[in-house]
Protein backbone atom coordinates (compact mmCIF):
# COMPACT_ATOMS: atom_id res chain seq x y z
CA MET A 1 0.21 -0.13 0.02
CA GLU A 2 1.30 3.69 -0.57
CA ASN A 3 1.72 5.74 2.19
CA PHE A 4 2.10 2.81 4.61
CA ILE A 5 4.92 0.84 5.80
CA THR A 6 4.96 -2.45 8.37
CA LEU A 7 6.44 -2.14 11.74
CA THR A 8 7.20 -4.85 13.99
CA ILE A 9 6.66 -3.97 17.22
CA ILE A 10 7.66 -6.74 20.43
CA ASP A 11 5.98 -5.89 23.23
CA ARG A 12 6.85 -6.50 27.17
CA ASN A 13 5.35 -10.17 26.76
CA ASN A 14 7.86 -10.68 24.15
CA VAL A 15 4.80 -11.25 21.52
CA GLU A 16 5.59 -9.62 18.14
CA HIS A 17 2.92 -7.72 16.44
CA SER A 18 3.23 -6.66 12.51
CA ILE A 19 1.30 -3.08 12.09
CA GLN A 20 0.70 -1.34 8.75
CA ALA A 21 1.46 2.59 9.69
CA PRO A 22 0.98 5.61 7.66
CA THR A 23 3.64 7.89 6.86
CA ASP A 24 1.43 10.78 5.22
CA MET A 25 -0.20 12.03 9.27
CA ASN A 26 3.08 12.96 10.59
CA LEU A 27 3.05 10.09 13.37
CA ASN A 28 5.30 9.19 15.64
CA LEU A 29 6.34 5.68 17.33
CA MET A 30 5.06 6.46 20.70
CA GLU A 31 1.49 7.56 19.12
CA LEU A 32 1.38 4.39 16.86
CA ALA A 33 2.21 2.22 19.70
CA LYS A 34 -0.38 3.61 22.05
CA MET A 35 -3.22 3.70 19.36
CA GLU A 36 -2.02 -0.14 19.20
CA GLY A 37 -2.57 -0.39 22.84
CA HIS A 38 0.91 -1.75 23.64
CA GLY A 39 1.23 -0.74 26.89
CA VAL A 40 3.15 2.70 25.95
CA LYS A 41 2.58 5.04 28.09
CA GLY A 42 4.08 7.97 26.66
CA GLU A 43 2.59 10.66 29.18
CA CYS A 44 4.58 13.55 28.21
CA GLY A 45 3.07 13.91 24.86
CA GLY A 46 5.84 13.68 23.02
CA MET A 47 8.38 15.75 24.17
CA ALA A 48 10.76 13.66 25.41
CA LEU A 49 10.45 14.72 28.46
CA CYS A 50 9.56 11.39 30.67
CA ALA A 51 10.93 8.17 28.66
CA THR A 52 7.79 6.10 29.17
CA CYS A 53 7.74 5.67 25.42
CA GLN A 54 11.56 3.85 25.79
CA VAL A 55 11.75 1.02 22.77
CA TYR A 56 15.13 -0.89 22.13
CA ILE A 57 15.68 -0.83 17.87
CA GLU A 58 16.38 -4.45 17.15
CA SER A 59 16.16 -3.87 13.45
CA ASN A 60 19.17 -2.53 11.67
CA HIS A 61 17.55 1.30 10.11
CA THR A 62 19.45 4.05 10.29
CA LEU A 63 17.47 6.30 12.62
CA PRO A 64 17.46 10.65 12.78
CA GLU A 65 20.14 11.76 15.14
CA GLN A 66 19.15 11.89 18.78
CA SER A 67 18.38 15.73 19.83
CA GLU A 68 20.19 16.94 23.00
CA ALA A 69 16.18 16.39 24.86
CA GLU A 70 15.90 12.72 24.05
CA LEU A 71 19.92 12.38 25.20
CA ASP A 72 19.28 14.23 28.23
CA MET A 73 16.25 12.37 28.70
CA LEU A 74 17.73 8.64 28.14
CA ASP A 75 20.37 9.76 30.62
CA GLN A 76 18.02 9.69 33.18
CA ALA A 77 15.98 6.50 32.45
CA PHE A 78 15.82 3.11 33.69
CA PHE A 79 16.82 0.04 31.86
CA VAL A 80 18.59 2.31 28.95
CA GLN A 81 20.91 0.32 26.24
CA ASP A 82 23.39 1.53 23.05
CA ASN A 83 20.02 0.66 21.17
CA SER A 84 17.56 2.73 23.05
CA ARG A 85 15.27 5.67 21.55
CA LEU A 86 12.57 7.38 22.69
CA GLY A 87 9.24 6.37 20.37
CA CYS A 88 8.07 10.06 20.52
CA GLN A 89 11.20 11.67 18.86
CA ILE A 90 10.94 8.49 15.53
CA TYR A 91 8.62 9.94 13.14
CA LEU A 92 7.00 7.18 10.71
CA ARG A 93 8.42 7.70 7.14
CA PRO A 94 9.07 5.57 4.39
CA GLU A 95 12.52 4.37 4.92
CA LEU A 96 11.87 2.95 7.92
CA ASP A 97 9.83 0.11 6.43
CA GLU A 98 10.51 -2.86 7.85
CA LEU A 99 11.40 -1.33 12.08
CA LYS A 100 11.36 -3.68 14.20
CA VAL A 101 11.77 -2.56 17.98
CA ARG A 102 11.21 -3.70 21.28
CA ILE A 103 9.13 -1.73 23.90
CA ALA A 104 11.31 -0.98 27.11
CA PRO A 105 10.71 -2.52 30.71
CA GLU A 106 8.19 0.07 32.58
CA GLN A 107 10.04 2.22 35.07
CA ASP A 108 8.47 2.01 38.61
C-alpha cells in the first residue's frame, strides 16, 4: 500500500505485532504504539520529557540523530541500552519500512 509501512513492535510479554502504519500523517512511534494498545504510556505527550515511550531498536535501520533533549532524557531513564530511543522522537517515514522495536520495561 502506498503511504504505509510495516513495523514490528515486540511488547513486554515478548509478543511480536506486525503493524501497517501510515507515513503521511506525521505520526511518531509512541503515538502508533499507544493507538495499538501495546503498553506505551507517552505521559509527556511526545516532548521527550518522560521516557515512558522508550524502545529498543532491533533492526538495522539508520535513524535520525538523537536530539539533546532525547539524549538528556535517556541519561535519566531506567533500563537504557545502546539501542534505546524514545518512540516519540521517531517519526514514521517510508525509510523505516520493516523497522523492528522492542518496548522497554516499565519504569516505576
